[in-house]
């Protein structure tokens, strides 16, 4: 009997929240903090209600902290649906540094269309902050998320 294929997924927004992630994938096989170098997280993806959701973009010298989840490959059917692939987000492969300093190839979502001047809804921001706290992301980074949420995106 062969084991089902598993994939690493890098969450940087509301999917850092363990309860939300479990409800969307059904199963989390492994999880640990991760770091995506040369990217930045911003709130420039318009949600259905008109507020902002999280997104990442290439940014030399910047870092996005998040959560690496090992999930069954089949979980992406559900995740893609929640993320609105291909209209709202597309999935790409990135190299993420895990908690032990190893490079891991992971899937990540990037917004297909962005807008300036958006802010996240307070409850959405709280889900992100709860997820960041659950996984002990650096306090300075959690502060950056709060600061980014309050400012208008310059992109």
N, C-alpha and C. Protein backbone atom coordinates (compact mmCIF):
# COMPACT_ATOMS: atom_id res chain seq x y z
N UNK A 1 0.84 -1.18 0.00
CA UNK A 1 0.00 0.00 0.00
C UNK A 1 0.89 1.25 0.00
N UNK A 2 0.68 2.12 -0.96
CA UNK A 2 1.53 3.32 -1.04
C UNK A 2 0.89 4.45 -0.25
N UNK A 3 1.73 5.28 0.32
CA UNK A 3 1.25 6.44 1.08
C UNK A 3 0.74 7.49 0.12
N UNK A 4 -0.28 8.20 0.54
CA UNK A 4 -0.82 9.29 -0.28
C UNK A 4 0.23 10.39 -0.38
N UNK A 5 0.23 11.07 -1.52
CA UNK A 5 1.19 12.16 -1.71
C UNK A 5 0.90 13.29 -0.73
N UNK A 6 1.97 13.85 -0.17
CA UNK A 6 1.83 14.99 0.72
C UNK A 6 2.60 16.17 0.14
N UNK A 7 2.17 17.36 0.52
CA UNK A 7 2.75 18.60 -0.01
C UNK A 7 2.87 19.59 1.14
N UNK A 8 3.92 20.41 1.11
CA UNK A 8 4.04 21.51 2.06
C UNK A 8 3.29 22.70 1.50
N UNK A 9 2.56 23.37 2.37
CA UNK A 9 1.83 24.59 2.02
C UNK A 9 2.29 25.67 2.98
N UNK A 10 2.59 26.87 2.46
CA UNK A 10 3.04 27.98 3.29
C UNK A 10 1.89 28.97 3.45
N UNK A 11 1.40 29.09 4.68
CA UNK A 11 0.31 30.03 4.99
C UNK A 11 0.90 31.30 5.59
N UNK A 12 0.46 32.45 5.09
CA UNK A 12 0.94 33.74 5.61
C UNK A 12 -0.20 34.64 6.06
N UNK A 13 -1.44 34.27 5.75
CA UNK A 13 -2.61 35.07 6.11
C UNK A 13 -3.48 34.33 7.10
N UNK A 14 -4.78 34.33 6.84
CA UNK A 14 -5.72 33.73 7.80
C UNK A 14 -5.55 32.22 7.93
N UNK A 15 -4.94 31.57 6.94
CA UNK A 15 -4.72 30.12 7.06
C UNK A 15 -3.63 29.76 8.07
N UNK A 16 -2.93 30.78 8.63
CA UNK A 16 -2.01 30.48 9.73
C UNK A 16 -2.81 30.01 10.94
N UNK A 17 -4.08 30.38 11.00
CA UNK A 17 -4.96 29.98 12.10
C UNK A 17 -5.24 28.49 11.97
N UNK A 18 -4.79 27.73 12.96
CA UNK A 18 -4.86 26.26 12.92
C UNK A 18 -6.29 25.75 12.74
N UNK A 19 -7.24 26.32 13.47
CA UNK A 19 -8.64 25.85 13.37
C UNK A 19 -9.19 26.08 11.97
N UNK A 20 -8.91 27.25 11.40
CA UNK A 20 -9.39 27.53 10.05
C UNK A 20 -8.74 26.58 9.05
N UNK A 21 -7.45 26.39 9.19
CA UNK A 21 -6.73 25.51 8.26
C UNK A 21 -7.27 24.08 8.33
N UNK A 22 -7.50 23.59 9.54
CA UNK A 22 -8.02 22.24 9.69
C UNK A 22 -9.42 22.13 9.08
N UNK A 23 -10.24 23.17 9.23
CA UNK A 23 -11.59 23.11 8.66
C UNK A 23 -11.54 23.12 7.13
N UNK A 24 -10.49 23.72 6.56
CA UNK A 24 -10.39 23.81 5.10
C UNK A 24 -9.71 22.60 4.47
N UNK A 25 -8.83 21.94 5.21
CA UNK A 25 -8.08 20.81 4.62
C UNK A 25 -8.53 19.47 5.16
N UNK A 26 -9.21 19.48 6.30
CA UNK A 26 -9.62 18.24 6.92
C UNK A 26 -8.52 17.59 7.72
N UNK A 27 -7.29 17.83 7.34
CA UNK A 27 -6.18 17.12 7.98
C UNK A 27 -4.89 17.93 7.85
N UNK A 28 -4.17 18.06 8.96
CA UNK A 28 -2.84 18.66 8.96
C UNK A 28 -1.91 17.57 9.46
N UNK A 29 -0.94 17.19 8.64
CA UNK A 29 -0.03 16.10 9.02
C UNK A 29 1.14 16.60 9.86
N UNK A 30 1.57 17.82 9.57
CA UNK A 30 2.71 18.42 10.28
C UNK A 30 2.56 19.92 10.17
N UNK A 31 3.09 20.66 11.14
CA UNK A 31 3.07 22.12 11.04
C UNK A 31 4.26 22.68 11.79
N UNK A 32 4.79 23.80 11.29
CA UNK A 32 5.91 24.47 11.94
C UNK A 32 6.04 25.87 11.36
N UNK A 33 6.64 26.79 12.11
CA UNK A 33 6.85 28.13 11.58
C UNK A 33 7.79 28.06 10.37
N UNK A 34 7.63 29.01 9.46
CA UNK A 34 8.50 29.07 8.29
C UNK A 34 8.77 30.52 7.92
N UNK A 35 9.76 30.69 7.04
CA UNK A 35 10.18 32.03 6.62
C UNK A 35 10.38 32.04 5.12
N UNK A 36 9.73 32.98 4.47
CA UNK A 36 9.87 33.15 3.02
C UNK A 36 10.68 34.40 2.77
N UNK A 37 11.91 34.22 2.29
CA UNK A 37 12.80 35.36 2.06
C UNK A 37 12.49 36.05 0.74
N UNK A 38 12.79 37.34 0.71
CA UNK A 38 12.65 38.17 -0.49
C UNK A 38 11.22 38.32 -0.98
N UNK A 39 10.30 38.30 0.00
CA UNK A 39 8.89 38.59 -0.26
C UNK A 39 8.40 39.50 0.86
N UNK A 40 7.28 40.19 0.62
CA UNK A 40 6.63 40.94 1.67
C UNK A 40 5.15 40.63 1.65
N UNK A 41 4.53 40.73 2.84
CA UNK A 41 3.09 40.51 2.96
C UNK A 41 2.41 41.87 3.00
N UNK A 42 1.33 41.99 2.26
CA UNK A 42 0.56 43.23 2.29
C UNK A 42 -0.92 42.93 2.14
N UNK A 43 -1.73 43.92 2.41
CA UNK A 43 -3.18 43.78 2.32
C UNK A 43 -3.65 44.54 1.09
N UNK A 44 -3.57 43.89 -0.07
CA UNK A 44 -3.94 44.59 -1.30
C UNK A 44 -4.83 43.75 -2.22
N UNK A 45 -5.43 42.71 -1.66
CA UNK A 45 -6.36 41.86 -2.42
C UNK A 45 -7.76 42.18 -1.92
N UNK A 46 -8.64 42.62 -2.82
CA UNK A 46 -10.00 42.99 -2.41
C UNK A 46 -10.85 41.75 -2.18
N UNK A 47 -11.50 41.71 -1.01
CA UNK A 47 -12.38 40.58 -0.68
C UNK A 47 -13.79 40.88 -1.19
N UNK A 48 -14.65 39.87 -1.08
CA UNK A 48 -16.04 40.04 -1.53
C UNK A 48 -16.70 41.25 -0.88
N UNK A 49 -16.43 41.48 0.38
CA UNK A 49 -17.07 42.59 1.09
C UNK A 49 -16.41 43.94 0.86
N UNK A 50 -15.33 43.97 0.10
CA UNK A 50 -14.65 45.23 -0.20
C UNK A 50 -13.47 45.54 0.69
N UNK A 51 -13.28 44.74 1.75
CA UNK A 51 -12.10 44.95 2.59
C UNK A 51 -10.92 44.18 1.97
N UNK A 52 -9.77 44.27 2.63
CA UNK A 52 -8.56 43.66 2.08
C UNK A 52 -8.31 42.27 2.66
N UNK A 53 -7.72 41.41 1.84
CA UNK A 53 -7.17 40.16 2.34
C UNK A 53 -5.67 40.18 2.06
N UNK A 54 -4.97 39.26 2.72
CA UNK A 54 -3.52 39.23 2.64
C UNK A 54 -3.04 38.71 1.28
N UNK A 55 -1.86 39.18 0.92
CA UNK A 55 -1.21 38.79 -0.32
C UNK A 55 0.29 38.92 -0.10
N UNK A 56 1.08 38.29 -0.95
CA UNK A 56 2.53 38.48 -0.91
C UNK A 56 3.01 38.89 -2.29
N UNK A 57 4.16 39.56 -2.29
CA UNK A 57 4.80 39.89 -3.56
C UNK A 57 6.31 39.87 -3.36
N UNK A 58 6.99 39.67 -4.44
CA UNK A 58 8.45 39.65 -4.43
C UNK A 58 8.97 41.00 -3.94
N UNK A 59 9.93 40.98 -3.00
CA UNK A 59 10.50 42.19 -2.43
C UNK A 59 11.87 41.87 -1.87
N UNK A 60 12.93 42.11 -2.67
CA UNK A 60 14.29 41.78 -2.23
C UNK A 60 14.61 42.33 -0.84
N UNK A 61 15.16 41.47 0.01
CA UNK A 61 15.58 41.88 1.35
C UNK A 61 14.50 41.79 2.40
N UNK A 62 13.25 41.58 2.01
CA UNK A 62 12.14 41.49 2.98
C UNK A 62 11.90 40.03 3.34
N UNK A 63 11.11 39.82 4.41
CA UNK A 63 10.80 38.46 4.88
C UNK A 63 9.32 38.37 5.23
N UNK A 64 8.72 37.25 4.84
CA UNK A 64 7.36 36.93 5.27
C UNK A 64 7.47 35.72 6.19
N UNK A 65 6.99 35.86 7.42
CA UNK A 65 6.91 34.73 8.33
C UNK A 65 5.53 34.12 8.20
N UNK A 66 5.46 32.82 8.40
CA UNK A 66 4.17 32.15 8.29
C UNK A 66 4.28 30.75 8.84
N UNK A 67 3.37 29.90 8.38
CA UNK A 67 3.30 28.52 8.88
C UNK A 67 3.41 27.55 7.72
N UNK A 68 4.32 26.59 7.87
CA UNK A 68 4.42 25.49 6.92
C UNK A 68 3.51 24.37 7.41
N UNK A 69 2.59 23.97 6.56
CA UNK A 69 1.71 22.84 6.88
C UNK A 69 1.98 21.73 5.88
N UNK A 70 2.17 20.53 6.38
CA UNK A 70 2.24 19.37 5.49
C UNK A 70 0.82 18.81 5.42
N UNK A 71 0.28 18.77 4.20
CA UNK A 71 -1.10 18.31 4.01
C UNK A 71 -1.14 17.28 2.88
N UNK A 72 -2.18 16.45 2.86
CA UNK A 72 -2.32 15.54 1.72
C UNK A 72 -2.51 16.37 0.44
N UNK A 73 -1.92 15.93 -0.64
CA UNK A 73 -2.04 16.64 -1.91
C UNK A 73 -3.51 16.92 -2.25
N UNK A 74 -4.38 15.99 -1.92
CA UNK A 74 -5.81 16.13 -2.21
C UNK A 74 -6.44 17.32 -1.48
N UNK A 75 -5.81 17.80 -0.40
CA UNK A 75 -6.35 18.94 0.36
C UNK A 75 -6.41 20.20 -0.49
N UNK A 76 -5.58 20.28 -1.54
CA UNK A 76 -5.57 21.48 -2.37
C UNK A 76 -6.85 21.65 -3.18
N UNK A 77 -7.59 20.56 -3.40
CA UNK A 77 -8.89 20.72 -4.08
C UNK A 77 -9.77 21.65 -3.26
N UNK A 78 -9.81 21.40 -1.95
CA UNK A 78 -10.61 22.23 -1.04
C UNK A 78 -9.98 23.62 -0.86
N UNK A 79 -8.67 23.67 -0.62
CA UNK A 79 -7.99 24.96 -0.41
C UNK A 79 -8.13 25.86 -1.63
N UNK A 80 -7.93 25.30 -2.82
CA UNK A 80 -8.05 26.09 -4.05
C UNK A 80 -9.45 26.72 -4.14
N UNK A 81 -10.45 25.95 -3.75
CA UNK A 81 -11.82 26.46 -3.79
C UNK A 81 -11.98 27.62 -2.79
N UNK A 82 -11.48 27.46 -1.56
CA UNK A 82 -11.56 28.53 -0.56
C UNK A 82 -10.81 29.78 -1.00
N UNK A 83 -9.67 29.60 -1.67
CA UNK A 83 -8.85 30.73 -2.08
C UNK A 83 -9.31 31.36 -3.40
N UNK A 84 -10.26 30.71 -4.07
CA UNK A 84 -10.78 31.28 -5.31
C UNK A 84 -9.83 31.13 -6.49
N UNK A 85 -9.14 29.99 -6.57
CA UNK A 85 -8.26 29.71 -7.70
C UNK A 85 -9.13 29.34 -8.91
N UNK A 86 -8.90 29.85 -10.11
CA UNK A 86 -7.80 30.73 -10.53
C UNK A 86 -8.20 32.21 -10.60
N UNK A 87 -9.46 32.56 -10.28
CA UNK A 87 -9.89 33.95 -10.45
C UNK A 87 -9.23 34.91 -9.46
N UNK A 88 -9.14 34.51 -8.19
CA UNK A 88 -8.67 35.43 -7.16
C UNK A 88 -7.22 35.22 -6.74
N UNK A 89 -6.82 33.97 -6.68
CA UNK A 89 -5.43 33.65 -6.32
C UNK A 89 -4.93 32.58 -7.28
N UNK A 90 -3.61 32.55 -7.44
CA UNK A 90 -2.99 31.43 -8.17
C UNK A 90 -1.99 30.81 -7.20
N UNK A 91 -1.70 29.54 -7.43
CA UNK A 91 -0.80 28.83 -6.55
C UNK A 91 0.56 28.72 -7.23
N UNK A 92 1.61 29.08 -6.50
CA UNK A 92 2.97 28.96 -7.03
C UNK A 92 3.82 28.17 -6.05
N UNK A 93 4.99 27.76 -6.51
CA UNK A 93 5.92 27.02 -5.66
C UNK A 93 7.03 27.97 -5.22
N UNK A 94 7.35 27.95 -3.94
CA UNK A 94 8.41 28.80 -3.40
C UNK A 94 9.31 27.96 -2.50
N UNK A 95 10.47 28.50 -2.18
CA UNK A 95 11.39 27.84 -1.26
C UNK A 95 11.30 28.55 0.09
N UNK A 96 10.86 27.81 1.11
CA UNK A 96 10.64 28.37 2.44
C UNK A 96 11.66 27.74 3.40
N UNK A 97 12.17 28.55 4.33
CA UNK A 97 13.09 28.04 5.34
C UNK A 97 12.26 27.56 6.53
N UNK A 98 12.45 26.29 6.92
CA UNK A 98 11.66 25.76 8.04
C UNK A 98 12.30 26.12 9.38
N UNK A 99 11.69 25.66 10.48
CA UNK A 99 12.16 26.04 11.81
C UNK A 99 13.55 25.51 12.13
N UNK A 100 14.00 24.48 11.39
CA UNK A 100 15.34 23.93 11.61
C UNK A 100 16.37 24.55 10.65
N UNK A 101 15.93 25.52 9.83
CA UNK A 101 16.86 26.17 8.91
C UNK A 101 17.01 25.47 7.57
N UNK A 102 16.21 24.42 7.33
CA UNK A 102 16.26 23.72 6.04
C UNK A 102 15.35 24.40 5.02
N UNK A 103 15.72 24.29 3.76
CA UNK A 103 14.88 24.80 2.67
C UNK A 103 13.85 23.75 2.31
N UNK A 104 12.61 24.18 2.21
CA UNK A 104 11.50 23.29 1.90
C UNK A 104 10.74 23.88 0.71
N UNK A 105 10.40 23.05 -0.26
CA UNK A 105 9.59 23.52 -1.38
C UNK A 105 8.13 23.47 -0.95
N UNK A 106 7.45 24.61 -1.09
CA UNK A 106 6.07 24.69 -0.61
C UNK A 106 5.19 25.41 -1.63
N UNK A 107 3.91 25.13 -1.54
CA UNK A 107 2.91 25.83 -2.35
C UNK A 107 2.46 27.07 -1.58
N UNK A 108 2.19 28.15 -2.31
CA UNK A 108 1.71 29.39 -1.68
C UNK A 108 0.74 30.06 -2.65
N UNK A 109 -0.19 30.84 -2.10
CA UNK A 109 -1.16 31.55 -2.94
C UNK A 109 -0.75 33.01 -3.11
N UNK A 110 -0.87 33.51 -4.35
CA UNK A 110 -0.57 34.89 -4.69
C UNK A 110 -1.79 35.46 -5.42
N UNK A 111 -2.20 36.66 -5.03
CA UNK A 111 -3.39 37.28 -5.62
C UNK A 111 -3.20 37.55 -7.11
N UNK A 112 -4.27 37.37 -7.86
CA UNK A 112 -4.21 37.62 -9.31
C UNK A 112 -4.45 39.09 -9.63
N UNK A 113 -5.24 39.79 -8.80
CA UNK A 113 -5.49 41.22 -9.01
C UNK A 113 -5.36 41.93 -7.67
N UNK A 114 -4.72 43.08 -7.67
CA UNK A 114 -4.53 43.84 -6.44
C UNK A 114 -5.04 45.27 -6.61
N UNK A 115 -5.29 45.92 -5.49
CA UNK A 115 -5.77 47.30 -5.49
C UNK A 115 -5.07 48.07 -4.38
N UNK A 116 -4.95 49.37 -4.56
CA UNK A 116 -4.38 50.24 -3.54
C UNK A 116 -5.45 50.67 -2.55
N UNK A 117 -4.99 51.08 -1.37
CA UNK A 117 -5.88 51.74 -0.41
C UNK A 117 -6.86 50.85 0.31
N UNK A 118 -6.60 49.56 0.38
CA UNK A 118 -7.52 48.65 1.07
C UNK A 118 -7.05 48.39 2.50
N UNK A 119 -8.00 48.08 3.36
CA UNK A 119 -7.67 47.70 4.74
C UNK A 119 -8.42 46.42 5.09
N UNK A 120 -7.80 45.55 5.89
CA UNK A 120 -8.49 44.31 6.27
C UNK A 120 -9.61 44.58 7.28
N UNK A 121 -10.63 43.75 7.24
CA UNK A 121 -11.69 43.82 8.25
C UNK A 121 -11.10 43.40 9.60
N UNK A 122 -11.55 44.01 10.69
CA UNK A 122 -10.98 43.69 12.01
C UNK A 122 -11.03 42.20 12.36
N UNK A 123 -12.14 41.52 12.06
CA UNK A 123 -12.23 40.09 12.42
C UNK A 123 -11.23 39.26 11.59
N UNK A 124 -11.03 39.62 10.33
CA UNK A 124 -10.06 38.91 9.47
C UNK A 124 -8.64 39.12 10.00
N UNK A 125 -8.32 40.35 10.34
CA UNK A 125 -7.00 40.66 10.89
C UNK A 125 -6.77 39.86 12.18
N UNK A 126 -7.81 39.74 13.01
CA UNK A 126 -7.68 39.01 14.27
C UNK A 126 -7.38 37.52 14.02
N UNK A 127 -7.99 36.93 13.00
CA UNK A 127 -7.72 35.53 12.66
C UNK A 127 -6.24 35.36 12.29
N UNK A 128 -5.71 36.31 11.53
CA UNK A 128 -4.28 36.28 11.15
C UNK A 128 -3.40 36.41 12.40
N UNK A 129 -3.71 37.38 13.25
CA UNK A 129 -2.91 37.59 14.45
C UNK A 129 -2.99 36.40 15.40
N UNK A 130 -4.16 35.79 15.51
CA UNK A 130 -4.29 34.59 16.34
C UNK A 130 -3.40 33.47 15.81
N UNK A 131 -3.41 33.28 14.48
CA UNK A 131 -2.59 32.24 13.86
C UNK A 131 -1.10 32.50 14.07
N UNK A 132 -0.71 33.77 13.94
CA UNK A 132 0.70 34.14 14.14
C UNK A 132 1.11 33.85 15.59
N UNK A 133 0.23 34.17 16.52
CA UNK A 133 0.51 33.92 17.93
C UNK A 133 0.57 32.45 18.27
N UNK A 134 -0.34 31.66 17.69
CA UNK A 134 -0.36 30.21 17.93
C UNK A 134 0.96 29.55 17.55
N UNK A 135 1.61 30.11 16.53
CA UNK A 135 2.84 29.50 16.01
C UNK A 135 4.09 30.26 16.43
N UNK A 136 3.94 31.15 17.42
CA UNK A 136 5.09 31.87 17.99
C UNK A 136 5.93 32.59 16.93
N UNK A 137 5.26 33.27 16.02
CA UNK A 137 6.01 34.06 15.04
C UNK A 137 6.65 35.25 15.79
N UNK A 138 7.74 35.80 15.24
CA UNK A 138 8.45 36.88 15.94
C UNK A 138 7.53 38.06 16.28
N UNK A 139 7.59 38.55 17.53
CA UNK A 139 6.74 39.68 17.94
C UNK A 139 6.90 40.90 17.03
N UNK A 140 8.13 41.16 16.55
CA UNK A 140 8.35 42.31 15.66
C UNK A 140 7.54 42.14 14.37
N UNK A 141 7.47 40.89 13.88
CA UNK A 141 6.73 40.63 12.65
C UNK A 141 5.23 40.80 12.88
N UNK A 142 4.74 40.34 14.03
CA UNK A 142 3.32 40.51 14.36
C UNK A 142 3.01 42.01 14.42
N UNK A 143 3.94 42.79 14.95
CA UNK A 143 3.79 44.26 14.97
C UNK A 143 3.73 44.83 13.56
N UNK A 144 4.55 44.28 12.65
CA UNK A 144 4.53 44.72 11.25
C UNK A 144 3.18 44.44 10.60
N UNK A 145 2.61 43.27 10.89
CA UNK A 145 1.29 42.93 10.33
C UNK A 145 0.28 43.97 10.77
N UNK A 146 0.28 44.30 12.07
CA UNK A 146 -0.66 45.31 12.59
C UNK A 146 -0.43 46.66 11.91
N UNK A 147 0.83 47.04 11.75
CA UNK A 147 1.14 48.32 11.11
C UNK A 147 0.67 48.33 9.65
N UNK A 148 0.93 47.23 8.93
CA UNK A 148 0.51 47.15 7.52
C UNK A 148 -1.00 47.20 7.38
N UNK A 149 -1.70 46.65 8.35
CA UNK A 149 -3.16 46.62 8.30
C UNK A 149 -3.73 48.03 8.46
N UNK A 150 -3.00 48.87 9.18
CA UNK A 150 -3.49 50.22 9.44
C UNK A 150 -3.12 51.22 8.37
N UNK A 151 -2.09 50.90 7.59
CA UNK A 151 -1.68 51.86 6.57
C UNK A 151 -2.24 51.45 5.23
N UNK A 152 -2.32 52.41 4.38
CA UNK A 152 -2.74 52.09 3.01
C UNK A 152 -1.54 51.52 2.28
N UNK A 153 -1.81 50.51 1.50
CA UNK A 153 -0.74 49.86 0.73
C UNK A 153 -0.19 50.83 -0.30
N UNK A 154 1.10 50.80 -0.47
CA UNK A 154 1.73 51.69 -1.45
C UNK A 154 1.90 51.01 -2.80
N UNK A 155 1.28 49.85 -2.99
CA UNK A 155 1.53 49.16 -4.26
C UNK A 155 0.46 49.45 -5.27
